[in-house]
Amino acid sequence: MTTFRVIGPGRAGRSLMAALDAVGGYEARDALGRGAALADAAADVDVLVIATPDDEVRRVATHVRPVAGTVVIHLSGSLGLDVLEPHARRGSLHPLTPLPTPAVGAERLRSGITFAVSGDAMTHALVAALGGRAVEVDDHARTTYHAAASIAANHLVALIGQVERVAATIGLPLDAFSGLIRAATDDALALGPRQALTGPARRGDWDTVEGHRTRLAAMAGHRTELAAYDAMVALARRLSLDAAVVDGSAAEGAATGPPAVDGFRGAAPGSPDVAPTEQVA
């Protein structure tokens, strides 16, 4: 039986506690919250998990008296192992899944997801117990890794928020687009983004793109809506050009992109001060 203690009984900490309890072989001693005495937190356990917000991890680790046999692990995706000094055995375990509630989080942690790990071998043992897949992400690559994770989760949700706002202007609910969102995501993961990409930017249909921009320019907060749309069209065009290079031939519509001046055929009516869209060559 591997014993462990958690500092920070929030969503991540309680999700991990519930997940390890469900798989068996692990015993949670307790969970220490704000204001608890931390000096002896590493005593009498095999693993100490620091599940606090990122900006608290280093401070918390320094308040814990090191114990030679105890592995101290944080759950941050952006931080390296240096924040866990002076503990000799230290590691990082970051689950690549949202943990909205302890119940949902515990289920997702046991669903075969990927965990980014580094440091002590105990991190691999935890992933194996949860039935997950471990990928090594060293300290020097942490910021890049976390940027990719943030884009995958936070930015995707923000884009769906834009879908909801645009659809609402014509009285449609977000769930009308749920099948499209799921199918597009599934295709991107199964086929790869280059093969899965469809739509006007992929085809080089810039008149349609400009029509979209005109409608977005009439919305409340149009500058933000247009900036987001233009950025994603530029990324879609880059993806279509990448596909052309991979295929060894020009992708449909990719050889001729929008003019390099004033974004897509000039700024849309009603959208003053719109910055030119980045052109990806």
Protein backbone atom coordinates (compact mmCIF):
# COMPACT_ATOMS: atom_id res chain seq x y z
CA MET A 1 0.00 0.00 0.00
CA THR A 2 1.45 3.34 -1.08
CA THR A 3 0.53 6.17 1.26
CA PHE A 4 0.15 9.76 0.13
CA ARG A 5 -0.89 13.17 1.35
CA VAL A 6 -2.23 16.11 -0.66
CA ILE A 7 -1.58 19.79 -0.05
CA GLY A 8 -4.33 21.76 -1.77
CA PRO A 9 -7.70 19.96 -1.63
CA GLY A 10 -9.13 21.75 -4.67
CA ARG A 11 -10.47 20.17 -7.85
CA ALA A 12 -7.14 18.68 -8.97
CA GLY A 13 -6.11 17.42 -5.55
CA ARG A 14 -9.46 15.83 -4.74
CA SER A 15 -9.75 14.36 -8.25
CA LEU A 16 -6.41 12.60 -7.81
CA MET A 17 -7.32 11.40 -4.32
CA ALA A 18 -10.59 9.89 -5.57
CA ALA A 19 -8.93 8.33 -8.63
CA LEU A 20 -6.19 6.64 -6.61
CA ASP A 21 -8.71 5.43 -4.06
CA ALA A 22 -10.74 3.86 -6.88
CA VAL A 23 -7.83 1.96 -8.45
CA GLY A 24 -6.65 0.55 -5.13
CA GLY A 25 -3.17 0.15 -3.74
CA TYR A 26 -3.03 3.75 -2.54
CA GLU A 27 -4.09 5.20 0.79
CA ALA A 28 -4.69 8.92 1.31
CA ARG A 29 -3.65 10.03 4.78
CA ASP A 30 -5.25 13.48 4.60
CA ALA A 31 -5.54 16.69 2.61
CA LEU A 32 -4.08 19.92 3.94
CA GLY A 33 -5.83 23.15 3.05
CA ARG A 34 -5.13 26.84 3.49
CA GLY A 35 -3.77 27.68 6.92
CA ALA A 36 -2.69 24.11 7.78
CA ALA A 37 0.70 23.43 9.35
CA LEU A 38 2.97 22.21 6.55
CA ALA A 39 6.31 21.48 8.25
CA ASP A 40 5.65 17.76 8.74
CA ALA A 41 3.52 17.20 5.63
CA ALA A 42 6.12 14.84 4.11
CA ALA A 43 6.37 12.70 7.25
CA ASP A 44 4.85 9.19 7.38
CA VAL A 45 3.86 9.07 3.69
CA ASP A 46 5.48 7.69 0.55
CA VAL A 47 4.26 10.54 -1.67
CA LEU A 48 3.40 14.17 -1.00
CA VAL A 49 1.34 15.81 -3.75
CA ILE A 50 1.33 19.60 -4.00
CA ALA A 51 -1.88 20.47 -5.82
CA THR A 52 -1.92 24.22 -5.16
CA PRO A 53 -2.09 26.98 -7.80
CA ASP A 54 1.19 27.32 -9.71
CA ASP A 55 2.28 30.52 -7.99
CA GLU A 56 2.04 28.81 -4.60
CA VAL A 57 4.00 25.63 -5.32
CA ARG A 58 7.49 26.93 -4.54
CA ARG A 59 6.40 28.63 -1.32
CA VAL A 60 4.58 25.53 -0.13
CA ALA A 61 7.51 23.24 -0.95
CA THR A 62 9.93 25.38 1.06
CA HIS A 63 7.65 25.18 4.11
CA VAL A 64 7.75 21.38 4.13
CA ARG A 65 10.61 19.71 6.00
CA PRO A 66 12.36 17.28 3.60
CA VAL A 67 12.06 13.56 4.36
CA ALA A 68 14.62 11.37 2.60
CA GLY A 69 12.25 8.64 1.44
CA THR A 70 9.26 10.79 0.51
CA VAL A 71 8.64 11.76 -3.10
CA VAL A 72 7.28 15.31 -3.50
CA ILE A 73 5.26 15.79 -6.67
CA HIS A 74 3.47 18.82 -8.11
CA LEU A 75 0.61 18.77 -10.62
CA SER A 76 1.58 21.89 -12.58
CA GLY A 77 2.00 21.79 -16.34
CA SER A 78 4.11 24.94 -16.57
CA LEU A 79 6.57 24.47 -13.69
CA GLY A 80 9.81 22.50 -13.61
CA LEU A 81 11.31 20.50 -10.78
CA ASP A 82 13.36 23.38 -9.38
CA VAL A 83 10.31 24.70 -7.51
CA LEU A 84 10.39 21.60 -5.32
CA GLU A 85 13.82 22.23 -3.84
CA PRO A 86 15.18 21.31 -1.31
CA HIS A 87 13.41 17.92 -1.57
CA ALA A 88 15.75 15.23 -2.90
CA ARG A 89 13.09 13.03 -4.53
CA ARG A 90 10.79 15.19 -6.64
CA GLY A 91 8.61 14.85 -9.69
CA SER A 92 5.96 16.45 -11.85
CA LEU A 93 2.67 14.86 -12.88
CA HIS A 94 0.37 16.87 -15.17
CA PRO A 95 -2.83 15.27 -16.51
CA LEU A 96 -3.83 16.36 -19.99
CA THR A 97 -7.53 16.67 -19.22
CA PRO A 98 -9.81 19.24 -17.58
CA LEU A 99 -10.81 18.43 -13.99
CA PRO A 100 -14.03 20.44 -13.49
CA THR A 101 -15.21 18.53 -10.41
CA PRO A 102 -13.65 15.81 -8.23
CA ALA A 103 -16.15 13.21 -9.45
CA VAL A 104 -15.67 13.98 -13.15
CA GLY A 105 -11.95 14.49 -12.64
CA ALA A 106 -11.49 11.11 -10.93
CA GLU A 107 -13.24 9.37 -13.81
CA ARG A 108 -11.17 11.18 -16.44
CA LEU A 109 -7.90 10.48 -14.64
CA ARG A 110 -8.69 6.75 -14.96
CA SER A 111 -9.84 6.88 -18.59
CA GLY A 112 -6.49 6.24 -20.29
CA ILE A 113 -5.42 9.86 -20.72
CA THR A 114 -1.89 11.18 -21.26
CA PHE A 115 0.14 12.55 -18.34
CA ALA A 116 3.23 14.73 -18.76
CA VAL A 117 5.79 13.53 -16.23
CA SER A 118 9.35 14.26 -15.18
CA GLY A 119 11.63 13.47 -12.29
CA ASP A 120 11.21 10.58 -9.87
CA ALA A 121 10.10 7.17 -11.16
CA MET A 122 7.12 7.37 -8.81
CA THR A 123 5.41 9.56 -11.42
CA HIS A 124 5.45 6.65 -13.87
CA ALA A 125 4.11 4.31 -11.18
CA LEU A 126 1.18 6.65 -10.54
CA VAL A 127 0.37 6.89 -14.26
CA ALA A 128 0.52 3.11 -14.61
CA ALA A 129 -1.81 2.67 -11.66
CA LEU A 130 -4.30 5.05 -13.24
CA GLY A 131 -4.10 3.23 -16.58
CA GLY A 132 -2.72 6.28 -18.37
CA ARG A 133 0.05 7.03 -20.82
CA ALA A 134 3.19 8.82 -19.57
CA VAL A 135 5.18 11.22 -21.76
CA GLU A 136 8.42 12.75 -20.51
CA VAL A 137 8.54 16.56 -20.63
CA ASP A 138 11.80 17.99 -19.29
CA ASP A 139 12.08 21.36 -17.56
CA HIS A 140 13.47 23.17 -20.62
CA ALA A 141 10.40 22.18 -22.65
CA ARG A 142 7.78 22.95 -20.01
CA THR A 143 6.73 26.38 -21.25
CA THR A 144 6.27 25.15 -24.83
CA TYR A 145 4.39 22.08 -23.63
CA HIS A 146 2.08 24.18 -21.48
CA ALA A 147 1.44 26.60 -24.35
CA ALA A 148 0.27 23.67 -26.49
CA ALA A 149 -1.93 22.40 -23.65
CA SER A 150 -3.47 25.84 -23.12
CA ILE A 151 -4.24 26.18 -26.83
CA ALA A 152 -5.80 22.70 -26.86
CA ALA A 153 -8.07 23.39 -23.90
CA ASN A 154 -8.50 27.10 -23.16
CA HIS A 155 -8.33 28.45 -26.71
CA LEU A 156 -10.65 25.76 -28.04
CA VAL A 157 -13.23 26.68 -25.41
CA ALA A 158 -12.80 30.37 -26.27
CA LEU A 159 -13.46 29.60 -29.95
CA ILE A 160 -16.62 27.71 -29.05
CA GLY A 161 -17.61 30.80 -27.10
CA GLN A 162 -17.33 32.79 -30.32
CA VAL A 163 -19.49 30.23 -32.11
CA GLU A 164 -22.13 30.74 -29.40
CA ARG A 165 -22.05 34.55 -29.74
CA VAL A 166 -22.23 34.57 -33.54
CA ALA A 167 -25.00 31.97 -33.64
CA ALA A 168 -27.00 33.89 -31.03
CA THR A 169 -27.26 36.90 -33.36
CA ILE A 170 -29.57 34.84 -35.59
CA GLY A 171 -31.35 33.05 -32.75
CA LEU A 172 -29.54 29.70 -32.89
CA PRO A 173 -28.35 27.88 -29.75
CA LEU A 174 -24.84 26.53 -29.33
CA ASP A 175 -26.03 22.92 -29.28
CA ALA A 176 -27.12 23.26 -32.92
CA PHE A 177 -23.40 23.18 -33.75
CA SER A 178 -22.38 20.44 -31.31
CA GLY A 179 -22.33 17.68 -33.93
CA LEU A 180 -20.18 19.80 -36.22
CA ILE A 181 -17.74 20.65 -33.44
CA ARG A 182 -17.39 17.03 -32.34
CA ALA A 183 -17.02 15.70 -35.89
CA ALA A 184 -14.40 18.29 -36.81
CA THR A 185 -12.44 17.56 -33.63
CA ASP A 186 -12.66 13.80 -34.19
CA ASP A 187 -11.49 14.21 -37.80
CA ALA A 188 -8.53 16.38 -36.78
CA LEU A 189 -7.41 13.76 -34.23
CA ALA A 190 -8.06 10.74 -36.48
CA LEU A 191 -6.83 12.09 -39.82
CA GLY A 192 -4.49 14.86 -38.70
CA PRO A 193 -5.28 18.59 -38.98
CA ARG A 194 -4.02 18.93 -42.55
CA GLN A 195 -6.33 16.24 -43.92
CA ALA A 196 -9.28 17.24 -41.75
CA LEU A 197 -9.31 20.94 -42.70
CA THR A 198 -12.30 22.06 -44.78
CA GLY A 199 -14.03 25.37 -45.42
CA PRO A 200 -13.51 28.61 -47.37
CA ALA A 201 -9.93 29.28 -46.25
CA ARG A 202 -8.97 25.76 -47.33
CA ARG A 203 -10.62 26.28 -50.72
CA GLY A 204 -9.35 29.81 -51.21
CA ASP A 205 -12.92 31.18 -51.28
CA TRP A 206 -12.04 34.72 -50.18
CA ASP A 207 -15.38 36.25 -51.22
CA THR A 208 -17.07 34.01 -48.64
CA VAL A 209 -14.46 34.95 -46.04
CA GLU A 210 -15.09 38.62 -46.71
CA GLY A 211 -18.83 38.04 -46.34
CA HIS A 212 -18.20 36.54 -42.92
CA ARG A 213 -16.10 39.53 -41.93
CA THR A 214 -18.83 41.94 -43.00
CA ARG A 215 -21.36 40.21 -40.76
CA LEU A 216 -18.94 40.06 -37.83
CA ALA A 217 -18.23 43.77 -38.25
CA ALA A 218 -21.88 44.48 -37.40
CA MET A 219 -21.70 42.64 -34.07
CA ALA A 220 -21.17 44.14 -30.65
CA GLY A 221 -17.47 43.97 -29.83
CA HIS A 222 -16.70 43.60 -33.52
CA ARG A 223 -13.00 44.39 -33.18
CA THR A 224 -12.43 41.39 -30.94
CA GLU A 225 -14.65 39.15 -33.07
CA LEU A 226 -12.85 40.17 -36.28
CA ALA A 227 -9.40 39.80 -34.72
CA ALA A 228 -10.23 36.26 -33.62
CA TYR A 229 -11.75 35.35 -36.99
CA ASP A 230 -8.86 36.80 -38.98
CA ALA A 231 -6.31 35.01 -36.81
CA MET A 232 -8.01 31.67 -37.35
CA VAL A 233 -8.36 32.23 -41.11
CA ALA A 234 -4.63 32.93 -41.23
CA LEU A 235 -3.93 29.71 -39.32
CA ALA A 236 -6.29 27.76 -41.60
CA ARG A 237 -4.49 29.14 -44.64
CA ARG A 238 -1.13 28.18 -43.14
CA LEU A 239 -2.45 24.67 -42.56
CA SER A 240 -3.68 24.42 -46.15
CA LEU A 241 -0.28 25.56 -47.44
CA ASP A 242 1.42 23.01 -45.18
CA ALA A 243 -0.84 20.35 -46.68
CA ALA A 244 0.18 21.42 -50.18
CA VAL A 245 3.85 21.01 -49.28
CA VAL A 246 3.24 17.59 -47.71
CA ASP A 247 1.20 16.40 -50.68
CA GLY A 248 3.77 17.72 -53.13
CA SER A 249 1.15 19.66 -55.04
CA ALA A 250 -0.87 22.84 -54.56
CA ALA A 251 -3.86 22.30 -52.33
CA GLU A 252 -7.16 23.42 -53.78
CA GLY A 253 -7.36 27.17 -53.45
CA ALA A 254 -4.15 27.42 -51.41
CA ALA A 255 -1.89 28.69 -54.15
CA THR A 256 -3.68 32.01 -54.28
CA GLY A 257 -4.44 33.56 -50.94
CA PRO A 258 -5.98 36.87 -49.99
CA PRO A 259 -4.14 40.05 -50.96
CA ALA A 260 -1.31 41.03 -48.64
CA VAL A 261 -2.67 44.55 -48.15
CA ASP A 262 -5.52 45.38 -45.75
CA GLY A 263 -6.22 41.79 -44.79
CA PHE A 264 -8.81 40.08 -46.94
CA ARG A 265 -9.69 42.32 -49.91
CA GLY A 266 -9.55 45.38 -47.67
CA ALA A 267 -11.19 46.07 -44.35
CA ALA A 268 -14.82 45.07 -44.11
CA PRO A 269 -17.46 47.80 -44.08
CA GLY A 270 -18.16 49.05 -40.60
CA SER A 271 -14.87 47.74 -39.18
CA PRO A 272 -12.59 50.78 -38.71
CA ASP A 273 -9.06 50.36 -37.46
CA VAL A 274 -8.98 46.65 -38.27
CA ALA A 275 -5.34 45.62 -38.36
CA PRO A 276 -4.12 43.93 -41.57
CA THR A 277 -4.30 40.19 -41.28
CA GLU A 278 -1.00 38.35 -41.08
CA GLN A 279 -0.26 36.68 -44.37
CA VAL A 280 1.35 33.28 -44.06
CA ALA A 281 3.52 32.29 -46.96
